[in-house]
Protein backbone atom coordinates (compact mmCIF):
# COMPACT_ATOMS: atom_id res chain seq x y z
CA MET A 1 40.15 37.35 190.54
CA GLN A 2 41.31 41.08 189.86
CA THR A 3 42.67 42.64 193.01
CA GLY A 4 41.78 46.42 193.65
CA ARG A 5 45.60 47.51 192.60
CA SER A 6 45.03 45.49 189.36
CA ARG A 7 41.57 47.13 188.91
CA THR A 8 43.26 50.18 189.38
CA THR A 9 46.21 49.83 187.02
CA MET A 10 43.69 48.54 184.51
CA THR A 11 41.56 51.83 184.84
CA LEU A 12 44.89 54.15 184.87
CA ALA A 13 45.95 52.31 181.34
CA LEU A 14 42.67 53.10 179.93
CA ALA A 15 42.63 56.52 180.82
CA ALA A 16 46.00 57.33 179.54
CA VAL A 17 45.00 55.50 176.19
CA ILE A 18 41.83 57.92 176.10
CA ALA A 19 43.74 60.80 177.06
CA ALA A 20 46.53 60.01 174.42
CA PRO A 21 46.30 62.61 171.61
CA PRO A 22 45.65 61.05 168.19
CA LEU A 23 49.23 60.18 166.70
CA LEU A 24 50.00 58.19 169.97
CA GLY A 25 46.26 56.60 169.69
CA ALA A 26 47.21 55.44 166.39
CA GLN A 27 50.73 53.84 167.34
CA ILE A 28 49.23 52.44 170.43
CA GLY A 29 46.60 50.40 168.24
CA VAL A 30 49.72 49.85 165.38
CA GLN A 31 51.64 48.28 168.75
CA ARG A 32 48.31 46.34 169.37
CA GLU A 33 47.75 45.01 166.18
CA ARG A 34 51.48 43.48 166.01
CA ASN A 35 50.71 41.95 169.71
CA VAL A 36 48.16 39.97 168.91
CA PRO A 37 48.84 36.17 169.16
CA ASN A 38 48.10 34.47 165.62
CA VAL A 39 49.62 30.88 165.63
CA TYR A 40 48.60 28.87 162.91
CA ALA A 41 50.57 25.51 161.73
CA ILE A 42 49.54 24.18 158.04
CA THR A 43 50.19 20.75 158.34
CA ASN A 44 50.59 17.71 155.56
CA ALA A 45 51.69 20.10 152.81
CA ARG A 46 54.05 20.02 150.08
CA ILE A 47 56.52 22.84 150.98
CA VAL A 48 58.69 24.54 148.17
CA PRO A 49 61.01 26.63 150.71
CA ILE A 50 63.50 27.62 147.71
CA ALA A 51 66.06 28.03 150.33
CA GLY A 52 66.50 24.57 150.83
CA PRO A 53 64.95 21.12 149.01
CA THR A 54 61.11 20.63 148.59
CA ILE A 55 59.55 18.86 151.43
CA GLU A 56 57.18 16.37 150.21
CA LYS A 57 54.93 16.37 153.38
CA GLY A 58 55.52 18.65 156.23
CA ASN A 59 54.39 21.25 158.37
CA VAL A 60 54.68 24.94 158.67
CA ILE A 61 54.33 26.60 162.25
CA ILE A 62 53.42 30.52 162.33
CA ARG A 63 53.73 32.47 165.25
CA ASN A 64 53.02 36.05 165.76
CA GLY A 65 53.86 36.76 162.09
CA LEU A 66 56.51 35.08 161.81
CA ILE A 67 57.84 31.28 160.54
CA ALA A 68 58.81 29.41 163.65
CA ALA A 69 59.32 26.36 162.36
CA VAL A 70 59.53 24.23 158.91
CA GLY A 71 59.96 20.55 158.33
CA ALA A 72 58.53 17.14 158.23
CA THR A 73 59.11 16.80 161.83
CA ALA A 74 57.94 20.40 162.79
CA GLN A 75 55.29 19.63 165.43
CA PRO A 76 51.84 21.72 165.67
CA PRO A 77 51.73 23.68 168.79
CA ALA A 78 48.79 23.00 171.43
CA ASP A 79 47.65 26.84 170.77
CA ALA A 80 47.86 26.55 166.95
CA ARG A 81 45.15 26.49 164.35
CA VAL A 82 45.56 23.67 162.46
CA ILE A 83 44.74 24.13 158.74
CA ASP A 84 45.08 20.17 156.71
CA GLY A 85 47.55 20.84 153.90
CA ALA A 86 46.83 17.30 152.35
CA GLY A 87 46.80 18.45 148.51
CA LEU A 88 47.97 21.62 148.88
CA THR A 89 51.79 22.85 148.19
CA VAL A 90 53.11 25.88 149.97
CA TYR A 91 55.28 28.14 148.60
CA PRO A 92 56.85 31.39 149.64
CA GLY A 93 54.72 34.50 149.15
CA LEU A 94 54.88 35.74 145.83
CA ILE A 95 55.95 39.55 144.91
CA ASP A 96 55.08 41.81 142.84
CA ALA A 97 58.59 43.59 141.66
CA ASN A 98 57.06 46.66 140.54
CA THR A 99 53.29 47.97 140.85
CA SER A 100 51.52 51.04 141.82
CA ILE A 101 49.07 48.91 144.34
CA ALA A 102 47.67 50.77 147.52
CA PHE A 103 47.53 54.13 145.30
CA PRO A 104 44.63 55.68 144.45
CA ALA A 105 44.24 55.58 140.12
CA PRO A 106 46.07 58.25 138.57
CA PRO A 107 43.53 60.93 137.05
CA ALA A 108 44.96 62.82 134.19
CA ALA A 109 47.73 65.04 135.17
CA PRO A 110 47.89 68.69 135.51
CA VAL A 111 49.73 70.99 132.71
CA ALA A 112 53.31 71.17 134.62
CA GLN A 113 54.53 74.67 134.25
CA GLY A 114 58.25 76.12 134.39
CA GLY A 115 61.37 76.78 132.56
CA ARG A 116 64.58 74.76 132.04
CA GLY A 117 65.27 71.80 134.43
CA GLY A 118 61.79 72.03 135.49
CA ARG A 119 61.85 75.13 137.68
CA GLY A 120 58.47 76.89 138.14
CA GLY A 121 58.03 77.24 142.32
CA PRO A 122 55.71 75.28 144.07
CA GLN A 123 52.73 73.54 142.00
CA PRO A 124 49.52 73.41 143.74
CA THR A 125 47.78 70.02 143.57
CA GLN A 126 44.55 70.24 141.68
CA GLN A 127 41.45 68.58 142.65
CA GLY A 128 41.33 64.57 141.73
CA GLY A 129 44.84 65.50 140.20
CA PRO A 130 48.18 63.73 141.18
CA THR A 131 49.72 64.21 144.67
CA GLY A 132 52.23 66.53 144.69
CA ALA A 133 54.72 67.32 147.81
CA PRO A 134 53.53 70.46 149.17
CA ASN A 135 56.84 72.51 149.80
CA SER A 136 58.50 71.58 146.73
CA LEU A 137 60.47 73.96 144.18
CA HIS A 138 59.53 71.75 141.46
CA PRO A 139 56.67 70.86 139.28
CA ILE A 140 54.72 67.58 139.63
CA GLY A 141 56.36 65.30 137.65
CA LEU A 142 59.44 66.34 138.69
CA GLN A 143 59.53 65.96 142.53
CA PRO A 144 61.60 62.74 143.41
CA GLU A 145 61.15 63.65 147.22
CA LEU A 146 57.62 61.91 147.04
CA ALA A 147 57.41 59.00 149.27
CA ALA A 148 55.48 55.72 148.96
CA VAL A 149 55.64 55.75 152.69
CA ASP A 150 53.39 58.96 152.84
CA LEU A 151 51.38 57.60 150.23
CA VAL A 152 50.28 54.07 150.68
CA ARG A 153 46.77 53.09 152.32
CA PRO A 154 45.53 49.76 153.13
CA ASP A 155 42.85 48.63 150.54
CA ALA A 156 41.36 44.98 151.15
CA GLU A 157 39.28 45.61 147.62
CA ALA A 158 42.56 46.58 145.79
CA PHE A 159 44.70 43.47 147.35
CA SER A 160 41.86 41.22 146.44
CA GLY A 161 43.35 40.97 142.77
CA PRO A 162 47.04 40.26 143.56
CA HIS A 163 45.79 37.71 146.31
CA SER A 164 44.09 35.93 143.45
CA ALA A 165 47.36 35.61 141.88
CA GLY A 166 48.85 34.98 144.92
CA ILE A 167 50.91 38.00 145.29
CA THR A 168 51.47 38.89 148.91
CA ALA A 169 54.16 41.58 148.90
CA ALA A 170 54.89 44.46 146.38
CA LEU A 171 57.24 46.98 145.17
CA THR A 172 54.89 49.92 144.96
CA VAL A 173 55.44 53.60 143.69
CA PRO A 174 52.96 56.01 141.63
CA SER A 175 52.72 55.48 138.18
CA THR A 176 52.83 58.72 137.06
CA GLY A 177 55.47 61.56 136.66
CA ILE A 178 59.28 61.58 135.42
CA PHE A 179 60.82 61.57 138.53
CA ARG A 180 58.01 59.30 140.42
CA GLY A 181 59.57 59.15 143.82
CA LEU A 182 60.87 56.75 146.45
CA SER A 183 59.26 53.57 146.48
CA ALA A 184 58.14 50.80 149.45
CA VAL A 185 58.25 47.40 149.43
CA ILE A 186 54.83 46.46 151.24
CA ASN A 187 52.58 43.62 152.37
CA LEU A 188 49.26 43.51 150.82
CA GLY A 189 47.53 43.46 154.21
CA GLY A 190 47.15 45.13 157.41
CA THR A 191 45.10 47.92 158.71
CA SER A 192 47.59 50.72 158.40
CA ALA A 193 50.23 52.18 156.60
CA GLN A 194 52.54 51.33 158.98
CA ALA A 195 51.83 47.74 159.42
CA MET A 196 52.09 47.26 155.27
CA ILE A 197 55.54 48.67 155.34
CA VAL A 198 58.58 45.99 154.92
CA LYS A 199 60.97 48.65 153.86
CA ALA A 200 61.23 51.89 152.56
CA PRO A 201 62.87 53.45 150.44
CA ILE A 202 63.91 51.05 148.31
CA ALA A 203 64.58 53.05 144.84
CA GLU A 204 63.88 56.45 143.07
CA HIS A 205 61.99 55.71 140.00
CA ILE A 206 62.43 57.41 136.81
CA GLY A 207 59.94 57.26 133.92
CA PHE A 208 60.52 58.69 130.10
CA THR A 209 56.87 59.72 129.50
CA PRO A 210 56.80 63.22 128.40
CA LEU A 211 54.47 65.67 130.24
CA ARG A 212 51.40 66.32 128.10
CA GLN A 213 49.36 69.60 126.93
CA GLY A 214 52.16 71.92 126.50
CA GLY A 215 53.84 71.72 129.59
CA TYR A 216 58.13 71.17 129.89
CA PRO A 217 59.07 68.83 128.98
CA GLY A 218 56.47 67.72 126.26
CA SER A 219 59.24 65.47 124.36
CA LEU A 220 61.29 62.49 124.81
CA LEU A 221 64.29 65.08 124.11
CA GLY A 222 63.32 67.52 126.95
CA VAL A 223 62.52 64.49 128.99
CA PHE A 224 66.27 63.60 129.32
CA SER A 225 67.18 67.41 129.18
CA ALA A 226 65.15 68.16 132.53
CA LEU A 227 66.37 64.87 134.05
CA ARG A 228 69.98 65.77 133.33
CA GLN A 229 69.78 69.43 134.75
CA GLU A 230 67.69 68.20 137.82
CA LEU A 231 70.58 65.53 138.51
CA LEU A 232 73.13 68.35 137.75
CA ASP A 233 71.53 70.83 139.84
CA ALA A 234 71.71 67.92 142.81
CA GLN A 235 75.45 67.82 142.49
CA HIS A 236 75.42 71.33 143.05
CA TYR A 237 73.60 71.65 145.71
CA GLY A 238 75.35 68.72 147.47
CA ALA A 239 78.54 70.09 146.94
CA GLU A 240 77.20 73.53 148.44
CA GLN A 241 75.46 71.61 151.12
CA ALA A 242 79.01 69.86 151.83
CA ALA A 243 81.30 73.18 151.97
CA PHE A 244 78.70 75.11 154.25
CA ALA A 245 78.73 71.79 156.81
CA LYS A 246 82.45 71.94 156.95
CA SER A 247 82.85 75.53 157.02
CA PRO A 248 80.02 77.61 157.73
CA ARG A 249 81.44 80.97 159.12
CA GLY A 250 81.23 83.51 156.30
CA MET A 251 79.54 81.44 153.93
CA ARG A 252 75.56 82.30 153.17
CA ARG A 253 73.24 79.40 154.15
CA PRO A 254 72.34 77.39 150.82
CA GLU A 255 68.85 77.62 150.36
CA SER A 256 67.02 74.37 151.19
CA ASP A 257 65.20 72.16 148.23
CA PRO A 258 63.60 69.18 149.28
CA SER A 259 63.72 67.69 145.80
CA LEU A 260 67.80 68.11 145.14
CA ASP A 261 67.82 66.71 149.28
CA ALA A 262 65.92 63.28 147.74
CA LEU A 263 68.62 63.07 145.13
CA GLN A 264 71.74 63.22 147.30
CA PRO A 265 71.56 59.31 148.39
CA VAL A 266 70.70 58.39 144.55
CA LEU A 267 73.78 60.29 143.46
CA ALA A 268 75.92 58.58 146.33
CA GLY A 269 74.72 54.94 145.21
CA LYS A 270 73.20 54.55 148.47
CA ILE A 271 69.86 53.81 146.67
CA PRO A 272 69.36 52.61 143.14
CA VAL A 273 66.92 53.97 140.61
CA VAL A 274 64.50 52.34 138.93
CA MET A 275 64.13 53.50 134.98
CA GLN A 276 60.85 52.36 133.28
CA ALA A 277 62.28 51.58 130.06
CA SER A 278 60.89 49.05 127.01
CA SER A 279 62.53 49.43 123.66
CA ALA A 280 66.19 49.16 123.20
CA ARG A 281 66.91 52.44 122.32
CA GLU A 282 65.08 53.67 125.58
CA ILE A 283 67.07 51.21 127.52
CA GLU A 284 70.59 52.39 126.16
CA ARG A 285 69.64 56.01 127.06
CA ALA A 286 68.54 55.13 130.58
CA LEU A 287 71.86 53.21 130.39
CA ASP A 288 74.34 56.35 129.43
CA LEU A 289 72.34 58.20 131.85
CA ALA A 290 72.95 56.27 134.73
CA LYS A 291 76.74 55.42 133.75
CA GLU A 292 76.99 59.65 133.64
CA PHE A 293 76.17 60.34 137.10
CA LYS A 294 77.33 57.06 138.49
CA LEU A 295 73.60 55.90 139.33
CA ARG A 296 72.85 52.23 140.15
CA ALA A 297 70.67 51.43 137.69
CA ILE A 298 67.72 49.00 137.38
CA ILE A 299 65.68 48.31 134.13
CA ALA A 300 61.58 48.04 134.79
CA GLY A 301 59.67 46.43 131.77
CA GLY A 302 62.54 45.72 129.78
CA GLU A 303 60.14 44.17 126.60
CA GLU A 304 63.33 44.43 124.38
CA ALA A 305 66.17 43.90 127.13
CA ASP A 306 67.40 40.53 125.63
CA GLN A 307 68.86 43.03 122.86
CA ILE A 308 70.64 44.76 125.65
CA ALA A 309 71.82 41.88 127.59
CA ALA A 310 75.60 41.66 127.13
CA ARG A 311 75.70 45.53 128.47
CA LEU A 312 73.06 44.73 131.19
CA LYS A 313 75.08 41.99 132.17
CA ALA A 314 78.27 43.83 132.35
CA GLU A 315 76.92 46.88 134.47
CA ASN A 316 75.28 44.69 136.90
CA VAL A 317 71.76 46.20 135.71
CA PRO A 318 68.70 43.80 136.93
CA VAL A 319 65.81 43.76 135.27
CA LEU A 320 62.07 44.33 136.52
CA MET A 321 60.26 42.21 133.99
CA SER A 322 56.65 43.19 132.61
CA LEU A 323 54.11 39.99 132.58
CA ASP A 324 51.82 42.00 130.67
CA PHE A 325 52.24 40.22 127.45
CA PRO A 326 50.71 41.01 123.99
CA ARG A 327 47.36 38.89 123.54
CA ARG A 328 45.69 37.66 120.22
CA PRO A 329 42.97 39.87 119.52
CA THR A 330 39.84 38.30 118.70
CA ALA A 331 39.41 37.53 115.13
CA SER A 332 36.90 40.44 113.44
CA PRO A 333 36.26 40.26 109.33
CA ASP A 334 36.74 44.07 109.47
CA ALA A 335 39.77 43.79 111.18
CA ASP A 336 42.97 45.45 109.67
CA PRO A 337 46.09 42.67 109.44
CA GLU A 338 48.31 43.43 112.93
CA PRO A 339 51.76 45.02 112.15
CA LEU A 340 54.43 42.54 112.08
CA ARG A 341 55.98 44.40 115.08
CA THR A 342 52.96 43.37 117.10
CA LEU A 343 53.21 39.74 115.80
CA ARG A 344 56.88 39.82 116.76
CA ALA A 345 56.16 41.11 120.36
CA ARG A 346 53.50 38.51 121.23
CA VAL A 347 55.48 35.44 119.94
CA GLU A 348 58.79 36.86 121.71
CA ALA A 349 57.34 38.26 125.03
CA PRO A 350 57.38 34.57 126.57
CA LYS A 351 60.91 34.26 125.74
CA LEU A 352 62.45 37.18 127.08
CA ALA A 353 63.33 35.47 130.56
CA ALA A 354 64.96 32.79 129.13
CA LYS A 355 67.27 34.94 127.24
CA LEU A 356 68.19 37.18 130.41
CA GLN A 357 68.59 33.58 132.19
CA ALA A 358 71.25 32.55 129.54
CA ALA A 359 73.16 35.89 129.32
CA GLY A 360 73.30 35.77 133.20
CA VAL A 361 71.16 38.87 133.76
CA ARG A 362 69.37 39.23 137.20
CA PHE A 363 65.47 39.50 136.89
CA ALA A 364 62.42 39.66 138.64
CA PHE A 365 58.75 39.53 137.61
CA ALA A 366 56.51 42.34 137.61
CA ASP A 367 52.78 42.95 136.85
CA GLY A 368 53.78 45.64 134.48
CA GLY A 369 50.23 47.34 134.90
CA LEU A 370 48.10 44.17 134.44
CA THR A 371 44.31 44.78 134.98
CA ASN A 372 43.19 40.65 134.50
CA TRP A 373 45.15 39.39 137.53
CA SER A 374 44.46 35.74 136.12
CA GLU A 375 47.04 36.58 133.68
CA PHE A 376 50.08 37.47 136.26
CA LEU A 377 50.62 33.45 136.97
CA THR A 378 49.67 32.54 133.62
CA ASN A 379 52.03 34.57 131.88
CA ALA A 380 54.98 33.57 134.25
CA GLY A 381 54.15 29.60 133.52
CA ARG A 382 54.32 30.93 130.39
CA THR A 383 57.92 31.92 130.38
CA VAL A 384 58.46 28.27 131.23
CA GLU A 385 57.11 27.11 127.57
CA GLY A 386 59.79 29.94 126.53
CA GLY A 387 62.42 28.28 127.81
CA LEU A 388 62.93 29.13 131.70
CA THR A 389 63.05 26.02 133.93
CA ALA A 390 60.00 25.89 136.55
CA GLU A 391 62.60 26.29 139.04
CA GLN A 392 63.82 29.43 137.83
CA ALA A 393 60.22 31.24 137.35
CA VAL A 394 59.70 30.59 140.83
CA ARG A 395 62.34 32.44 142.28
CA ALA A 396 61.39 34.87 139.89
CA LEU A 397 58.49 35.53 141.90
CA THR A 398 60.31 35.02 145.25
CA THR A 399 63.74 34.99 145.75
CA SER A 400 65.07 37.00 143.04
CA PRO A 401 62.67 40.17 143.50
CA ALA A 402 63.63 39.80 147.51
CA GLU A 403 67.30 40.07 146.78
CA ILE A 404 67.12 42.58 143.94
CA LEU A 405 65.23 44.84 146.01
CA GLY A 406 66.80 44.66 149.37
CA VAL A 407 64.20 42.71 151.24
CA SER A 408 66.07 38.89 151.57
CA ASP A 409 66.42 38.82 155.12
CA HIS A 410 62.16 39.07 155.48
CA LEU A 411 61.07 37.86 152.38
CA GLY A 412 61.53 35.08 149.36
CA THR A 413 62.10 31.80 151.10
CA ILE A 414 60.24 29.81 153.72
CA GLU A 415 62.80 29.67 156.56
CA VAL A 416 62.45 30.20 160.35
CA GLY A 417 62.54 33.69 161.69
CA LYS A 418 61.28 35.38 158.19
CA THR A 419 57.76 37.26 157.58
CA ALA A 420 55.29 34.29 157.41
CA ASN A 421 54.35 35.43 153.83
CA LEU A 422 52.91 32.55 152.17
CA THR A 423 51.37 31.15 148.49
CA VAL A 424 49.25 28.15 149.17
CA MET A 425 48.48 26.26 145.95
CA ARG A 426 45.62 23.85 145.00
CA GLY A 427 48.24 22.07 142.80
CA ASP A 428 51.20 23.47 141.05
CA LEU A 429 52.14 27.28 141.13
CA PHE A 430 51.91 27.46 136.84
CA GLY A 431 48.67 25.82 136.32
CA GLY A 432 47.04 24.99 139.76
CA ARG A 433 44.65 27.64 141.84
CA VAL A 434 45.77 29.74 144.58
CA ALA A 435 43.57 28.29 147.58
CA GLN A 436 45.12 30.86 150.18
CA VAL A 437 47.64 33.36 151.20
CA PHE A 438 49.06 34.56 154.47
CA VAL A 439 50.16 37.94 154.33
CA ASP A 440 52.19 39.08 157.48
CA GLY A 441 51.27 35.91 159.27
CA THR A 442 47.63 36.22 158.79
CA PRO A 443 45.55 34.18 156.62
CA VAL A 444 43.45 35.65 153.88
CA GLU A 445 41.02 34.04 151.74
CA VAL A 446 41.29 34.33 148.15
CA ARG A 447 38.42 35.88 146.19
CA ALA A 448 37.23 35.30 143.00
CA GLN A 449 36.60 38.41 141.17
CA THR A 450 32.97 38.58 140.31
CA THR A 451 32.35 42.34 140.83
CA ALA A 452 32.28 45.07 138.16
CA ASN A 453 33.95 43.24 135.42
CA GLY A 454 31.45 40.11 135.52
CA ALA A 455 28.43 42.55 134.78
CA GLY A 456 29.76 43.47 131.01
CA MET A 457 29.73 47.37 132.08
CA ALA A 458 32.05 47.62 129.02
CA ASN A 459 29.85 46.40 126.58
CA GLY A 460 28.92 48.84 123.80
CA THR A 461 29.81 51.66 121.79
CA TRP A 462 31.43 54.69 123.07
CA THR A 463 32.32 58.06 121.91
CA LEU A 464 35.38 59.41 122.83
CA THR A 465 37.49 62.40 122.21
CA VAL A 466 41.23 61.56 122.48
CA THR A 467 43.79 64.37 122.78
CA LEU A 468 47.22 64.02 121.50
CA ASP A 469 50.14 66.21 120.88
CA GLU A 470 48.52 66.76 117.22
CA GLY A 471 45.47 67.76 119.02
CA GLU A 472 41.44 66.54 119.76
CA LYS A 473 40.64 63.41 117.72
CA PRO A 474 37.33 61.90 117.69
CA VAL A 475 36.90 57.91 117.82
CA THR A 476 34.49 55.47 118.06
CA LEU A 477 34.89 52.47 120.34
CA THR A 478 33.43 49.24 120.32
CA ILE A 479 33.55 46.97 122.67
CA GLN A 480 32.73 43.57 123.73
CA GLN A 481 33.21 42.17 127.02
CA THR A 482 33.04 38.53 127.94
CA GLY A 483 34.65 38.15 131.68
CA ASP A 484 37.27 40.61 132.12
CA GLN A 485 38.35 40.12 128.59
CA LEU A 486 37.44 43.02 126.16
CA ARG A 487 37.85 43.07 122.22
CA GLY A 488 36.33 45.31 119.91
CA THR A 489 37.37 48.19 117.45
CA ILE A 490 38.58 51.72 117.24
CA GLN A 491 37.28 53.86 114.21
CA GLY A 492 37.73 57.54 113.31
CA SER A 493 40.14 60.17 112.83
CA LEU A 494 43.00 57.84 114.57
CA GLY A 495 42.10 55.11 111.54
CA SER A 496 40.56 51.76 112.39
CA SER A 497 42.09 48.76 114.01
CA SER A 498 41.11 46.28 116.26
CA ILE A 499 41.74 46.36 120.12
CA THR A 500 44.40 44.05 121.74
CA ASN A 501 45.30 43.12 125.42
CA GLY A 502 42.21 44.35 126.44
CA SER A 503 41.08 43.55 130.07
CA ILE A 504 39.10 45.51 132.73
CA GLY A 505 39.33 44.92 136.40
CA SER A 506 37.12 44.38 139.54
CA ALA A 507 36.54 48.27 140.05
CA GLY A 508 35.97 49.45 136.17
CA ASP A 509 39.75 50.04 135.52
CA LEU A 510 40.13 48.92 131.76
CA LYS A 511 43.41 48.48 129.56
CA PHE A 512 43.58 47.92 125.85
CA ARG A 513 46.36 48.46 123.06
CA ALA A 514 45.57 49.42 119.56
CA THR A 515 47.31 50.70 116.36
CA VAL A 516 46.61 54.48 115.49
CA THR A 517 47.16 56.66 112.69
CA MET A 518 49.26 59.86 113.31
CA GLY A 519 51.22 62.21 111.07
CA ALA A 520 54.18 60.52 111.59
CA GLY A 521 52.70 57.14 110.79
CA THR A 522 51.30 54.34 112.46
CA GLU A 523 52.16 54.05 116.05
CA GLU A 524 51.11 51.68 118.85
CA ALA A 525 48.93 53.35 121.34
CA THR A 526 48.03 52.08 125.17
CA PHE A 527 44.62 53.33 126.35
CA SER A 528 44.26 52.98 130.24
CA GLY A 529 41.41 54.42 132.42
CA ASN A 530 38.15 53.89 134.51
CA ILE A 531 34.66 53.18 133.69
CA ASP A 532 32.04 55.10 136.03
CA GLY A 533 28.95 54.27 135.02
CA ASN A 534 28.24 55.01 131.46
CA LEU A 535 31.32 57.62 131.41
CA VAL A 536 34.80 56.77 130.57
CA LYS A 537 38.33 58.41 130.87
CA GLY A 538 41.86 58.17 131.00
CA THR A 539 45.21 58.51 129.64
CA VAL A 540 46.97 57.28 125.82
CA THR A 541 50.74 56.38 126.00
CA ILE A 542 52.77 56.44 122.53
CA VAL A 543 56.26 55.65 122.77
CA GLY A 544 58.02 59.20 122.04
CA HIS A 545 54.58 61.36 122.29
CA PRO A 546 53.25 63.50 125.24
CA GLN A 547 50.65 61.50 127.53
CA GLY A 548 47.92 61.99 125.86
CA THR A 549 43.78 61.52 127.70
CA PHE A 550 40.88 60.55 126.44
CA ILE A 551 37.02 60.98 127.84
CA GLY A 552 33.71 59.93 126.47
CA GLN A 553 30.64 58.30 126.93
CA LYS A 554 27.89 56.06 125.56
CA PRO A 555 26.12 58.47 123.03
CA ASP A 556 22.73 56.67 124.03
CA THR A 557 22.87 57.41 127.25
CA PRO A 558 20.94 60.86 128.46
CA GLY A 559 23.01 62.87 130.18
CA GLY A 560 26.13 60.84 130.31
CA GLY A 561 26.79 59.89 134.00
CA ARG A 562 25.28 57.27 136.71
CA ARG A 563 21.96 58.39 138.24
CA GLY A 564 22.35 61.60 140.25
CA ARG A 565 26.01 62.32 138.87
CA PRO A 566 26.81 65.41 136.13
CA PRO A 567 28.63 64.32 133.11
CA PHE A 568 32.03 64.60 132.44
CA ARG A 569 32.95 68.33 131.57
CA ARG A 570 36.00 69.12 129.70
């Protein structure tokens, strides 16, 4: 029974919450979420803690988001919700070492303006365009101060795909731009951005894809020129700021520049730089840039990293290895033979991890832009077929990313005191089925991916306009969809070829590769976009060329869009 004093205290507390300003109210909500007592016990399960030997039959106790006990003799507390783990194997929660999860799908980038070094004054964020820093002196795409911690949002629908692959945490950063911003390691759960953040910032991210549509830099040479210039500017800016701080009298206060401010810890080696590089030549150039400015480099993608393995080992540069392996296209009687380099890439991709392991190069697995999440664990398992041991493959999904990204105090193993991120398998990690995941101590049921991609929404013939550095190219795209797999052909002014690595996600996000014929010869292009009813649009990436776009619809669809929506307009 409550006393009058206790009732008065509760009333005053409630009034204080109601009267609190919005930000304080949000903070109180986050604190309340963290303070909810959650106690679980997974019993009689096979446990792979990584930090020690496998426990063939044991218990994992979770309390308030942390691992409270683990072992064959750990006893479930009286207040625990017990989960019978008979027939289940518990692993540390898997970590996606490089992704863009928790961000809206990036639309076509706006034209970047400005002269040498990317200076062009503040660039407004176009409606539907990529997010820009509001006070930046640099154009969108060259703004290193963009911070994932300010942009990520909880998205249960987007997280369901990674959950189905056993992923509980990820390194995330926007997927477009040259300077892409400061990444964060997030848990794939929670009701607020604050509750998701494990650690931030982790690293500055750099991509080498030129800006398109005539913006500077519009070539690979221009990209490296812009990067070097901004890093040189940041060095000069840091020296000016240090001189002013030491002896400000008689010296004009230097102008503030958020972009150059953001590069100071990068130049000081306090945070690493993740460089998106696939070919051996790209990796070499990235390492040369890092050496010139004494940057702590990490390579992301790294499809040909084995060719540079000796240098990567010598310079202690880890690789966030893409699991987006090339797939064999569905046979078609009209299909042209695949280029030799495509055949070689498909054969060699699963062997890369074993080669890096043999060379002593640290690596971790990343999704690499997969839209079909069922391939994440499948392709990780293929690295075992390619020469990696199963234990090494498990580490590349757990302890290795945690160590490389600096979050091993929280994630990567099943140990007392660590965050209770767990991947629960029915069977082995490679070949079994994800039964459940725990994120921050909260159980998440794994849902089958049966929404948009199961309805055959991509089936049919699409009339596209592909815009590249050589101009607009009309293309006919024919797709046959089976589940979340796509096959088909492209025909038109870019030549004729079968599409490969075709997949479609639950929200209509599709991706495929195709060989295209351009003035300079035959190239492999990656198409990434989204289907909205009977309309499709997205981007085209060809190594060594500015990023392009494509847009189109099914020609037999009057008006082009979903009911009540106008067609796309260029």
